[in-house]
């Protein structure tokens, strides 16, 4: 199955620049940040679920997305162990920040919770797309895993949009703030 990359992506592998480190270091950084991202995503969904409660009509949908993120996290747990890569040192922060983001947006209402999901998953779509491009030739098995996970993330974004994410008052601003936070978390988790 061939996935179309976002228009801002090309089919040209990223050039390695002086000071980029070895290929193994680059893959370790990718795994570290992906592990952190899946951990944060699972925490976001947990915060949403705890606020919205079991009786909310979105409960089963959010719980299913949470289960997929936890399955992705388990895969990255194994990869970190197999490749002897340490997780980010920021995990305690992502534990609290992810939950707080999920809970706070759910407190604003189910559409705001879905706006959070749409924003996060849009950033992750682009993030995984770039990694897939970079890995395809050297790490085809890892690239394929990321393709599968990217498809899940796209489905989460689409589900969020179907459930009224864009109808959230202040959607553009809320989305921009969440996307900026996600990009900052990615940058930090690669390095720390």
N, C-alpha and C. Protein backbone atom coordinates (compact mmCIF):
# COMPACT_ATOMS: atom_id res chain seq x y z
N UNK A 1 0.85 -1.16 0.00
CA UNK A 1 0.00 0.00 0.00
C UNK A 1 0.90 1.24 0.00
N UNK A 2 0.74 2.08 -0.97
CA UNK A 2 1.56 3.28 -1.08
C UNK A 2 0.83 4.45 -0.45
N UNK A 3 1.50 5.11 0.50
CA UNK A 3 0.93 6.28 1.17
C UNK A 3 1.46 7.53 0.49
N UNK A 4 0.61 8.50 0.30
CA UNK A 4 1.03 9.78 -0.25
C UNK A 4 1.52 10.65 0.89
N UNK A 5 2.75 11.16 0.75
CA UNK A 5 3.29 12.03 1.76
C UNK A 5 2.67 13.42 1.62
N UNK A 6 2.63 14.17 2.71
CA UNK A 6 2.10 15.53 2.61
C UNK A 6 2.87 16.33 1.56
N UNK A 7 2.20 17.34 1.00
CA UNK A 7 2.78 18.09 -0.09
C UNK A 7 4.09 18.76 0.27
N UNK A 8 4.29 19.10 1.55
CA UNK A 8 5.53 19.76 1.92
C UNK A 8 6.71 18.79 1.95
N UNK A 9 6.44 17.50 1.85
CA UNK A 9 7.50 16.48 1.84
C UNK A 9 7.86 16.15 0.40
N UNK A 10 9.08 15.74 0.20
CA UNK A 10 9.51 15.27 -1.11
C UNK A 10 9.90 13.82 -0.99
N UNK A 11 10.22 13.22 -2.11
CA UNK A 11 10.65 11.83 -2.09
C UNK A 11 12.16 11.72 -2.03
N UNK A 12 12.84 12.80 -1.74
CA UNK A 12 14.28 12.81 -1.64
C UNK A 12 14.68 12.60 -0.19
N UNK A 13 15.58 11.63 0.07
CA UNK A 13 16.01 11.43 1.45
C UNK A 13 16.69 12.69 1.99
N UNK A 14 16.59 12.90 3.28
CA UNK A 14 17.22 14.04 3.90
C UNK A 14 18.73 13.91 3.83
N UNK A 15 19.39 15.01 3.54
CA UNK A 15 20.86 15.03 3.50
C UNK A 15 21.39 15.03 4.92
N UNK A 16 22.44 14.31 5.14
CA UNK A 16 23.11 14.32 6.44
C UNK A 16 24.12 15.46 6.41
N UNK A 17 24.15 16.22 7.45
CA UNK A 17 25.02 17.37 7.53
C UNK A 17 26.16 17.10 8.52
N UNK A 18 27.27 17.84 8.38
CA UNK A 18 28.34 17.68 9.36
C UNK A 18 27.81 17.93 10.77
N UNK A 19 28.21 17.09 11.69
CA UNK A 19 27.75 17.22 13.06
C UNK A 19 26.46 16.49 13.36
N UNK A 20 25.86 15.86 12.34
CA UNK A 20 24.60 15.14 12.55
C UNK A 20 24.79 13.86 13.37
N UNK A 21 26.00 13.36 13.46
CA UNK A 21 26.23 12.11 14.18
C UNK A 21 26.04 10.93 13.26
N UNK A 22 26.22 9.75 13.81
CA UNK A 22 26.13 8.52 13.01
C UNK A 22 24.68 8.18 12.71
N UNK A 23 24.52 7.27 11.78
CA UNK A 23 23.18 6.79 11.41
C UNK A 23 22.52 6.14 12.62
N UNK A 24 23.29 5.39 13.40
CA UNK A 24 22.75 4.73 14.59
C UNK A 24 22.24 5.75 15.61
N UNK A 25 23.00 6.85 15.77
CA UNK A 25 22.55 7.91 16.68
C UNK A 25 21.27 8.55 16.17
N UNK A 26 21.17 8.74 14.88
CA UNK A 26 19.96 9.34 14.30
C UNK A 26 18.75 8.44 14.54
N UNK A 27 18.92 7.14 14.34
CA UNK A 27 17.82 6.20 14.57
C UNK A 27 17.47 6.16 16.06
N UNK A 28 18.47 6.21 16.93
CA UNK A 28 18.22 6.22 18.37
C UNK A 28 17.38 7.44 18.75
N UNK A 29 17.71 8.59 18.17
CA UNK A 29 16.94 9.80 18.45
C UNK A 29 15.51 9.68 17.95
N UNK A 30 15.35 9.06 16.77
CA UNK A 30 14.00 8.85 16.24
C UNK A 30 13.19 7.96 17.18
N UNK A 31 13.79 6.88 17.61
CA UNK A 31 13.08 5.96 18.50
C UNK A 31 12.75 6.63 19.83
N UNK A 32 13.69 7.41 20.35
CA UNK A 32 13.47 8.10 21.62
C UNK A 32 12.27 9.04 21.52
N UNK A 33 12.24 9.84 20.45
CA UNK A 33 11.16 10.82 20.33
C UNK A 33 9.83 10.13 20.00
N UNK A 34 9.86 9.07 19.21
CA UNK A 34 8.62 8.37 18.89
C UNK A 34 8.03 7.69 20.12
N UNK A 35 8.91 7.11 20.93
CA UNK A 35 8.48 6.51 22.19
C UNK A 35 7.82 7.56 23.07
N UNK A 36 8.49 8.72 23.20
CA UNK A 36 7.95 9.81 24.01
C UNK A 36 6.60 10.29 23.47
N UNK A 37 6.49 10.38 22.15
CA UNK A 37 5.24 10.83 21.54
C UNK A 37 4.08 9.90 21.79
N UNK A 38 4.33 8.61 21.68
CA UNK A 38 3.26 7.65 21.92
C UNK A 38 2.88 7.64 23.40
N UNK A 39 3.86 7.82 24.27
CA UNK A 39 3.58 7.91 25.70
C UNK A 39 2.71 9.14 25.99
N UNK A 40 3.11 10.27 25.42
CA UNK A 40 2.33 11.50 25.61
C UNK A 40 0.92 11.38 25.06
N UNK A 41 0.79 10.75 23.89
CA UNK A 41 -0.54 10.60 23.28
C UNK A 41 -1.45 9.73 24.16
N UNK A 42 -0.90 8.65 24.68
CA UNK A 42 -1.70 7.79 25.56
C UNK A 42 -2.16 8.57 26.80
N UNK A 43 -1.29 9.43 27.31
CA UNK A 43 -1.63 10.24 28.48
C UNK A 43 -2.71 11.28 28.13
N UNK A 44 -2.64 11.86 26.93
CA UNK A 44 -3.67 12.81 26.50
C UNK A 44 -5.03 12.12 26.49
N UNK A 45 -5.09 10.94 25.90
CA UNK A 45 -6.37 10.22 25.86
C UNK A 45 -6.85 9.83 27.24
N UNK A 46 -5.92 9.47 28.13
CA UNK A 46 -6.31 9.12 29.50
C UNK A 46 -6.93 10.34 30.18
N UNK A 47 -6.35 11.51 30.01
CA UNK A 47 -6.91 12.73 30.59
C UNK A 47 -8.29 13.03 30.05
N UNK A 48 -8.45 12.84 28.74
CA UNK A 48 -9.77 13.07 28.13
C UNK A 48 -10.80 12.10 28.70
N UNK A 49 -10.43 10.84 28.78
CA UNK A 49 -11.37 9.83 29.28
C UNK A 49 -11.76 10.10 30.73
N UNK A 50 -10.79 10.46 31.56
CA UNK A 50 -11.09 10.70 32.97
C UNK A 50 -12.05 11.88 33.15
N UNK A 51 -11.91 12.90 32.32
CA UNK A 51 -12.79 14.06 32.45
C UNK A 51 -14.17 13.78 31.84
N UNK A 52 -14.20 13.20 30.67
CA UNK A 52 -15.49 12.98 30.00
C UNK A 52 -16.30 11.87 30.65
N UNK A 53 -15.64 10.88 31.21
CA UNK A 53 -16.33 9.81 31.91
C UNK A 53 -16.84 8.71 31.00
N UNK A 54 -17.18 7.60 31.63
CA UNK A 54 -17.59 6.40 30.89
C UNK A 54 -18.92 6.55 30.17
N UNK A 55 -19.76 7.44 30.62
CA UNK A 55 -21.09 7.58 30.01
C UNK A 55 -21.11 8.51 28.81
N UNK A 56 -20.02 9.19 28.58
CA UNK A 56 -19.98 10.13 27.46
C UNK A 56 -20.02 9.37 26.14
N UNK A 57 -20.76 9.86 25.14
CA UNK A 57 -20.84 9.16 23.84
C UNK A 57 -19.48 8.97 23.16
N UNK A 58 -18.50 9.82 23.46
CA UNK A 58 -17.18 9.69 22.83
C UNK A 58 -16.27 8.70 23.57
N UNK A 59 -16.71 8.18 24.70
CA UNK A 59 -15.85 7.34 25.54
C UNK A 59 -15.24 6.18 24.77
N UNK A 60 -16.07 5.40 24.09
CA UNK A 60 -15.56 4.21 23.40
C UNK A 60 -14.60 4.58 22.27
N UNK A 61 -14.88 5.65 21.58
CA UNK A 61 -14.01 6.10 20.49
C UNK A 61 -12.65 6.51 21.03
N UNK A 62 -12.65 7.31 22.10
CA UNK A 62 -11.39 7.76 22.69
C UNK A 62 -10.64 6.58 23.30
N UNK A 63 -11.36 5.69 23.93
CA UNK A 63 -10.72 4.51 24.54
C UNK A 63 -10.04 3.66 23.47
N UNK A 64 -10.65 3.52 22.31
CA UNK A 64 -10.05 2.77 21.21
C UNK A 64 -8.76 3.45 20.73
N UNK A 65 -8.79 4.77 20.61
CA UNK A 65 -7.59 5.50 20.19
C UNK A 65 -6.49 5.35 21.25
N UNK A 66 -6.88 5.41 22.52
CA UNK A 66 -5.91 5.22 23.60
C UNK A 66 -5.27 3.83 23.50
N UNK A 67 -6.08 2.82 23.23
CA UNK A 67 -5.55 1.45 23.12
C UNK A 67 -4.54 1.34 21.97
N UNK A 68 -4.82 1.99 20.86
CA UNK A 68 -3.86 1.97 19.75
C UNK A 68 -2.56 2.65 20.13
N UNK A 69 -2.65 3.79 20.82
CA UNK A 69 -1.43 4.48 21.25
C UNK A 69 -0.63 3.62 22.22
N UNK A 70 -1.32 2.91 23.11
CA UNK A 70 -0.62 2.03 24.04
C UNK A 70 0.06 0.88 23.30
N UNK A 71 -0.57 0.36 22.26
CA UNK A 71 0.05 -0.70 21.45
C UNK A 71 1.29 -0.16 20.74
N UNK A 72 1.22 1.07 20.21
CA UNK A 72 2.38 1.69 19.59
C UNK A 72 3.50 1.84 20.63
N UNK A 73 3.13 2.28 21.82
CA UNK A 73 4.09 2.48 22.90
C UNK A 73 4.79 1.17 23.25
N UNK A 74 4.04 0.09 23.33
CA UNK A 74 4.64 -1.22 23.62
C UNK A 74 5.65 -1.62 22.55
N UNK A 75 5.33 -1.33 21.30
CA UNK A 75 6.27 -1.62 20.20
C UNK A 75 7.55 -0.81 20.39
N UNK A 76 7.42 0.47 20.69
CA UNK A 76 8.61 1.30 20.90
C UNK A 76 9.36 0.89 22.17
N UNK A 77 8.65 0.43 23.21
CA UNK A 77 9.33 -0.11 24.40
C UNK A 77 10.28 -1.23 24.00
N UNK A 78 9.78 -2.16 23.18
CA UNK A 78 10.61 -3.29 22.73
C UNK A 78 11.79 -2.80 21.88
N UNK A 79 11.51 -1.85 20.98
CA UNK A 79 12.59 -1.34 20.13
C UNK A 79 13.69 -0.67 20.95
N UNK A 80 13.29 0.10 21.96
CA UNK A 80 14.30 0.74 22.80
C UNK A 80 15.16 -0.30 23.49
N UNK A 81 14.54 -1.35 24.00
CA UNK A 81 15.30 -2.42 24.66
C UNK A 81 16.20 -3.15 23.67
N UNK A 82 15.65 -3.53 22.52
CA UNK A 82 16.42 -4.27 21.53
C UNK A 82 17.63 -3.49 21.03
N UNK A 83 17.48 -2.20 20.88
CA UNK A 83 18.55 -1.36 20.31
C UNK A 83 19.36 -0.63 21.38
N UNK A 84 19.02 -0.92 22.63
CA UNK A 84 19.71 -0.30 23.76
C UNK A 84 19.71 1.22 23.68
N UNK A 85 18.52 1.76 23.46
CA UNK A 85 18.32 3.20 23.39
C UNK A 85 17.60 3.62 24.67
N UNK A 86 18.11 4.66 25.31
CA UNK A 86 17.44 5.15 26.52
C UNK A 86 16.23 5.99 26.12
N UNK A 87 15.18 5.93 26.93
CA UNK A 87 14.03 6.81 26.67
C UNK A 87 14.40 8.26 27.03
N UNK A 88 13.56 9.18 26.66
CA UNK A 88 13.81 10.58 27.01
C UNK A 88 13.80 10.75 28.53
N UNK A 89 14.63 11.64 28.98
CA UNK A 89 14.65 11.97 30.41
C UNK A 89 13.45 12.85 30.79
N UNK A 90 12.72 13.29 29.78
CA UNK A 90 11.57 14.16 30.02
C UNK A 90 10.26 13.39 30.24
N UNK A 91 10.33 12.07 30.30
CA UNK A 91 9.11 11.27 30.46
C UNK A 91 8.24 11.71 31.64
N UNK A 92 8.81 12.05 32.80
CA UNK A 92 7.93 12.52 33.89
C UNK A 92 7.16 13.80 33.53
N UNK A 93 7.80 14.66 32.76
CA UNK A 93 7.12 15.88 32.33
C UNK A 93 6.01 15.54 31.34
N UNK A 94 6.29 14.65 30.38
CA UNK A 94 5.28 14.27 29.39
C UNK A 94 4.12 13.52 30.06
N UNK A 95 4.42 12.81 31.15
CA UNK A 95 3.38 12.11 31.91
C UNK A 95 2.34 13.12 32.40
N UNK A 96 2.82 14.19 33.01
CA UNK A 96 1.93 15.22 33.55
C UNK A 96 1.36 16.09 32.44
N UNK A 97 2.22 16.55 31.53
CA UNK A 97 1.77 17.48 30.47
C UNK A 97 0.75 16.83 29.55
N UNK A 98 0.96 15.58 29.17
CA UNK A 98 0.01 14.90 28.29
C UNK A 98 -1.35 14.77 28.96
N UNK A 99 -1.34 14.30 30.19
CA UNK A 99 -2.60 14.15 30.92
C UNK A 99 -3.29 15.51 31.08
N UNK A 100 -2.52 16.54 31.45
CA UNK A 100 -3.10 17.87 31.66
C UNK A 100 -3.70 18.41 30.37
N UNK A 101 -3.02 18.21 29.25
CA UNK A 101 -3.56 18.68 27.96
C UNK A 101 -4.86 17.96 27.63
N UNK A 102 -4.88 16.66 27.81
CA UNK A 102 -6.11 15.91 27.54
C UNK A 102 -7.24 16.33 28.46
N UNK A 103 -6.96 16.45 29.74
CA UNK A 103 -7.99 16.82 30.71
C UNK A 103 -8.48 18.25 30.46
N UNK A 104 -7.54 19.17 30.23
CA UNK A 104 -7.93 20.57 30.02
C UNK A 104 -8.81 20.74 28.79
N UNK A 105 -8.44 20.09 27.70
CA UNK A 105 -9.27 20.24 26.50
C UNK A 105 -10.62 19.56 26.68
N UNK A 106 -10.65 18.45 27.39
CA UNK A 106 -11.93 17.78 27.65
C UNK A 106 -12.82 18.65 28.55
N UNK A 107 -12.20 19.38 29.48
CA UNK A 107 -12.98 20.29 30.33
C UNK A 107 -13.64 21.39 29.51
N UNK A 108 -13.02 21.74 28.38
CA UNK A 108 -13.61 22.73 27.47
C UNK A 108 -14.75 22.14 26.65
N UNK A 109 -14.87 20.82 26.66
CA UNK A 109 -15.94 20.14 25.95
C UNK A 109 -15.41 19.10 24.99
N UNK A 110 -16.28 18.19 24.56
CA UNK A 110 -15.83 17.10 23.69
C UNK A 110 -15.27 17.57 22.35
N UNK A 111 -15.78 18.67 21.81
CA UNK A 111 -15.23 19.17 20.55
C UNK A 111 -13.81 19.69 20.76
N UNK A 112 -13.56 20.33 21.88
CA UNK A 112 -12.21 20.81 22.17
C UNK A 112 -11.26 19.62 22.36
N UNK A 113 -11.74 18.57 22.99
CA UNK A 113 -10.92 17.36 23.12
C UNK A 113 -10.57 16.81 21.74
N UNK A 114 -11.55 16.82 20.84
CA UNK A 114 -11.29 16.36 19.49
C UNK A 114 -10.38 17.33 18.72
N UNK A 115 -10.48 18.62 19.02
CA UNK A 115 -9.57 19.60 18.40
C UNK A 115 -8.13 19.31 18.83
N UNK A 116 -7.96 18.95 20.08
CA UNK A 116 -6.64 18.56 20.58
C UNK A 116 -6.13 17.35 19.81
N UNK A 117 -6.97 16.34 19.67
CA UNK A 117 -6.59 15.13 18.94
C UNK A 117 -6.20 15.47 17.51
N UNK A 118 -7.02 16.26 16.84
CA UNK A 118 -6.73 16.60 15.44
C UNK A 118 -5.39 17.32 15.31
N UNK A 119 -5.12 18.26 16.20
CA UNK A 119 -3.87 19.03 16.14
C UNK A 119 -2.66 18.13 16.39
N UNK A 120 -2.73 17.32 17.44
CA UNK A 120 -1.61 16.44 17.77
C UNK A 120 -1.35 15.47 16.63
N UNK A 121 -2.40 14.85 16.13
CA UNK A 121 -2.21 13.83 15.10
C UNK A 121 -1.74 14.42 13.78
N UNK A 122 -2.10 15.67 13.50
CA UNK A 122 -1.59 16.31 12.29
C UNK A 122 -0.08 16.52 12.37
N UNK A 123 0.40 16.92 13.53
CA UNK A 123 1.85 17.07 13.71
C UNK A 123 2.54 15.72 13.60
N UNK A 124 1.96 14.71 14.20
CA UNK A 124 2.57 13.38 14.18
C UNK A 124 2.58 12.81 12.77
N UNK A 125 1.54 13.07 11.99
CA UNK A 125 1.51 12.64 10.59
C UNK A 125 2.74 13.19 9.86
N UNK A 126 2.97 14.48 9.96
CA UNK A 126 4.13 15.08 9.30
C UNK A 126 5.45 14.55 9.85
N UNK A 127 5.50 14.36 11.16
CA UNK A 127 6.70 13.85 11.82
C UNK A 127 7.04 12.45 11.32
N UNK A 128 6.05 11.56 11.34
CA UNK A 128 6.29 10.19 10.86
C UNK A 128 6.62 10.18 9.36
N UNK A 129 5.97 11.05 8.59
CA UNK A 129 6.25 11.10 7.15
C UNK A 129 7.73 11.38 6.90
N UNK A 130 8.26 12.36 7.61
CA UNK A 130 9.67 12.69 7.46
C UNK A 130 10.58 11.55 7.87
N UNK A 131 10.23 10.87 8.94
CA UNK A 131 11.05 9.74 9.38
C UNK A 131 11.00 8.59 8.37
N UNK A 132 9.83 8.33 7.84
CA UNK A 132 9.69 7.25 6.85
C UNK A 132 10.59 7.53 5.66
N UNK A 133 10.56 8.75 5.19
CA UNK A 133 11.42 9.14 4.07
C UNK A 133 12.88 8.89 4.39
N UNK A 134 13.28 9.29 5.57
CA UNK A 134 14.68 9.20 5.97
C UNK A 134 15.12 7.75 6.18
N UNK A 135 14.22 6.90 6.59
CA UNK A 135 14.57 5.53 6.96
C UNK A 135 14.41 4.51 5.84
N UNK A 136 13.57 4.79 4.88
CA UNK A 136 13.15 3.78 3.90
C UNK A 136 14.26 2.89 3.37
N UNK A 137 15.35 3.47 2.90
CA UNK A 137 16.42 2.67 2.28
C UNK A 137 17.23 1.89 3.31
N UNK A 138 17.52 2.51 4.46
CA UNK A 138 18.41 1.89 5.44
C UNK A 138 17.69 1.02 6.47
N UNK A 139 16.46 1.34 6.76
CA UNK A 139 15.71 0.66 7.82
C UNK A 139 14.30 0.35 7.34
N UNK A 140 14.16 -0.50 6.31
CA UNK A 140 12.83 -0.71 5.73
C UNK A 140 11.80 -1.27 6.71
N UNK A 141 12.23 -2.13 7.63
CA UNK A 141 11.29 -2.71 8.59
C UNK A 141 10.76 -1.64 9.56
N UNK A 142 11.65 -0.78 10.04
CA UNK A 142 11.23 0.31 10.92
C UNK A 142 10.34 1.29 10.16
N UNK A 143 10.71 1.57 8.92
CA UNK A 143 9.89 2.47 8.10
C UNK A 143 8.48 1.90 7.92
N UNK A 144 8.37 0.61 7.73
CA UNK A 144 7.06 -0.02 7.57
C UNK A 144 6.24 0.07 8.85
N UNK A 145 6.88 -0.13 10.00
CA UNK A 145 6.18 0.03 11.28
C UNK A 145 5.65 1.45 11.40
N UNK A 146 6.47 2.42 11.04
CA UNK A 146 6.04 3.82 11.12
C UNK A 146 4.89 4.11 10.15
N UNK A 147 4.90 3.47 8.98
CA UNK A 147 3.77 3.63 8.04
C UNK A 147 2.47 3.15 8.68
N UNK A 148 2.54 2.00 9.34
CA UNK A 148 1.35 1.46 10.00
C UNK A 148 0.87 2.40 11.10
N UNK A 149 1.80 2.88 11.92
CA UNK A 149 1.43 3.78 13.01
C UNK A 149 0.90 5.10 12.45
N UNK A 150 1.52 5.59 11.38
CA UNK A 150 1.07 6.83 10.75
C UNK A 150 -0.38 6.69 10.27
N UNK A 151 -0.71 5.54 9.71
CA UNK A 151 -2.08 5.30 9.26
C UNK A 151 -3.06 5.39 10.44
N UNK A 152 -2.68 4.85 11.59
CA UNK A 152 -3.52 4.96 12.78
C UNK A 152 -3.68 6.41 13.20
N UNK A 153 -2.58 7.16 13.17
CA UNK A 153 -2.64 8.57 13.59
C UNK A 153 -3.52 9.38 12.65
N UNK A 154 -3.42 9.11 11.36
CA UNK A 154 -4.28 9.79 10.39
C UNK A 154 -5.75 9.45 10.66
N UNK A 155 -6.01 8.19 10.98
CA UNK A 155 -7.39 7.78 11.29
C UNK A 155 -7.89 8.50 12.55
N UNK A 156 -7.02 8.69 13.54
CA UNK A 156 -7.41 9.42 14.76
C UNK A 156 -7.76 10.87 14.41
N UNK A 157 -6.92 11.50 13.58
CA UNK A 157 -7.19 12.88 13.17
C UNK A 157 -8.53 12.96 12.43
N UNK A 158 -8.74 12.03 11.51
CA UNK A 158 -9.99 12.03 10.74
C UNK A 158 -11.20 11.81 11.64
N UNK A 159 -11.06 10.92 12.62
CA UNK A 159 -12.15 10.69 13.58
C UNK A 159 -12.46 11.96 14.36
N UNK A 160 -11.40 12.65 14.78
CA UNK A 160 -11.58 13.89 15.53
C UNK A 160 -12.31 14.93 14.68
N UNK A 161 -11.94 15.05 13.43
CA UNK A 161 -12.60 16.00 12.55
C UNK A 161 -14.06 15.62 12.30
N UNK A 162 -14.32 14.32 12.16
CA UNK A 162 -15.69 13.85 11.98
C UNK A 162 -16.56 14.15 13.21
N UNK A 163 -15.92 14.24 14.38
CA UNK A 163 -16.66 14.49 15.62
C UNK A 163 -16.63 15.97 16.02
N UNK A 164 -16.46 16.85 15.05
CA UNK A 164 -16.65 18.27 15.28
C UNK A 164 -15.47 19.06 15.78
N UNK A 165 -14.24 18.55 15.64
CA UNK A 165 -13.07 19.27 16.12
C UNK A 165 -13.01 20.69 15.58
N UNK A 166 -13.25 20.85 14.29
CA UNK A 166 -13.13 22.17 13.66
C UNK A 166 -14.24 23.14 14.07
N UNK A 167 -15.29 22.63 14.69
CA UNK A 167 -16.39 23.48 15.16
C UNK A 167 -16.13 24.04 16.56
N UNK A 168 -14.99 23.71 17.14
CA UNK A 168 -14.63 24.22 18.46
C UNK A 168 -14.44 25.73 18.40
N UNK A 169 -15.06 26.49 19.28
CA UNK A 169 -14.79 27.93 19.30
C UNK A 169 -13.29 28.17 19.50
N UNK A 170 -12.72 29.02 18.67
CA UNK A 170 -11.29 29.30 18.75
C UNK A 170 -10.41 28.18 18.22
N UNK A 171 -10.98 27.35 17.35
CA UNK A 171 -10.27 26.17 16.85
C UNK A 171 -8.89 26.48 16.29
N UNK A 172 -8.80 27.49 15.44
CA UNK A 172 -7.51 27.81 14.80
C UNK A 172 -6.45 28.14 15.85
N UNK A 173 -6.80 28.94 16.83
CA UNK A 173 -5.86 29.32 17.87
C UNK A 173 -5.49 28.12 18.74
N UNK A 174 -6.49 27.38 19.19
CA UNK A 174 -6.25 26.20 20.01
C UNK A 174 -5.36 25.21 19.27
N UNK A 175 -5.66 24.98 18.00
CA UNK A 175 -4.88 24.06 17.18
C UNK A 175 -3.43 24.54 17.05
N UNK A 176 -3.25 25.82 16.79
CA UNK A 176 -1.90 26.37 16.61
C UNK A 176 -1.08 26.24 17.90
N UNK A 177 -1.69 26.50 19.03
CA UNK A 177 -0.98 26.39 20.31
C UNK A 177 -0.57 24.94 20.58
N UNK A 178 -1.49 24.01 20.35
CA UNK A 178 -1.19 22.60 20.59
C UNK A 178 -0.12 22.11 19.63
N UNK A 179 -0.19 22.50 18.37
CA UNK A 179 0.83 22.09 17.39
C UNK A 179 2.20 22.62 17.77
N UNK A 180 2.25 23.86 18.23
CA UNK A 180 3.53 24.44 18.66
C UNK A 180 4.09 23.66 19.84
N UNK A 181 3.24 23.33 20.79
CA UNK A 181 3.67 22.53 21.94
C UNK A 181 4.18 21.15 21.52
N UNK A 182 3.50 20.53 20.57
CA UNK A 182 3.93 19.21 20.08
C UNK A 182 5.29 19.30 19.41
N UNK A 183 5.49 20.31 18.58
CA UNK A 183 6.77 20.48 17.89
C UNK A 183 7.90 20.73 18.88
N UNK A 184 7.61 21.50 19.93
CA UNK A 184 8.61 21.74 20.96
C UNK A 184 8.93 20.45 21.70
N UNK A 185 7.91 19.66 22.01
CA UNK A 185 8.13 18.39 22.70
C UNK A 185 8.97 17.43 21.84
N UNK A 186 8.72 17.41 20.55
CA UNK A 186 9.51 16.58 19.64
C UNK A 186 10.97 17.02 19.67
N UNK A 187 11.19 18.31 19.54
CA UNK A 187 12.55 18.85 19.52
C UNK A 187 13.28 18.48 20.81
N UNK A 188 12.63 18.69 21.95
CA UNK A 188 13.25 18.41 23.24
C UNK A 188 13.50 16.92 23.46
N UNK A 189 12.52 16.09 23.09
CA UNK A 189 12.65 14.65 23.34
C UNK A 189 13.73 14.01 22.51
N UNK A 190 14.03 14.56 21.35
CA UNK A 190 15.15 14.04 20.56
C UNK A 190 16.47 14.24 21.26
N UNK A 191 16.57 15.32 22.02
CA UNK A 191 17.84 15.77 22.56
C UNK A 191 18.06 15.42 24.03
N UNK A 192 16.98 15.27 24.77
CA UNK A 192 17.14 15.07 26.22
C UNK A 192 16.67 13.69 26.64
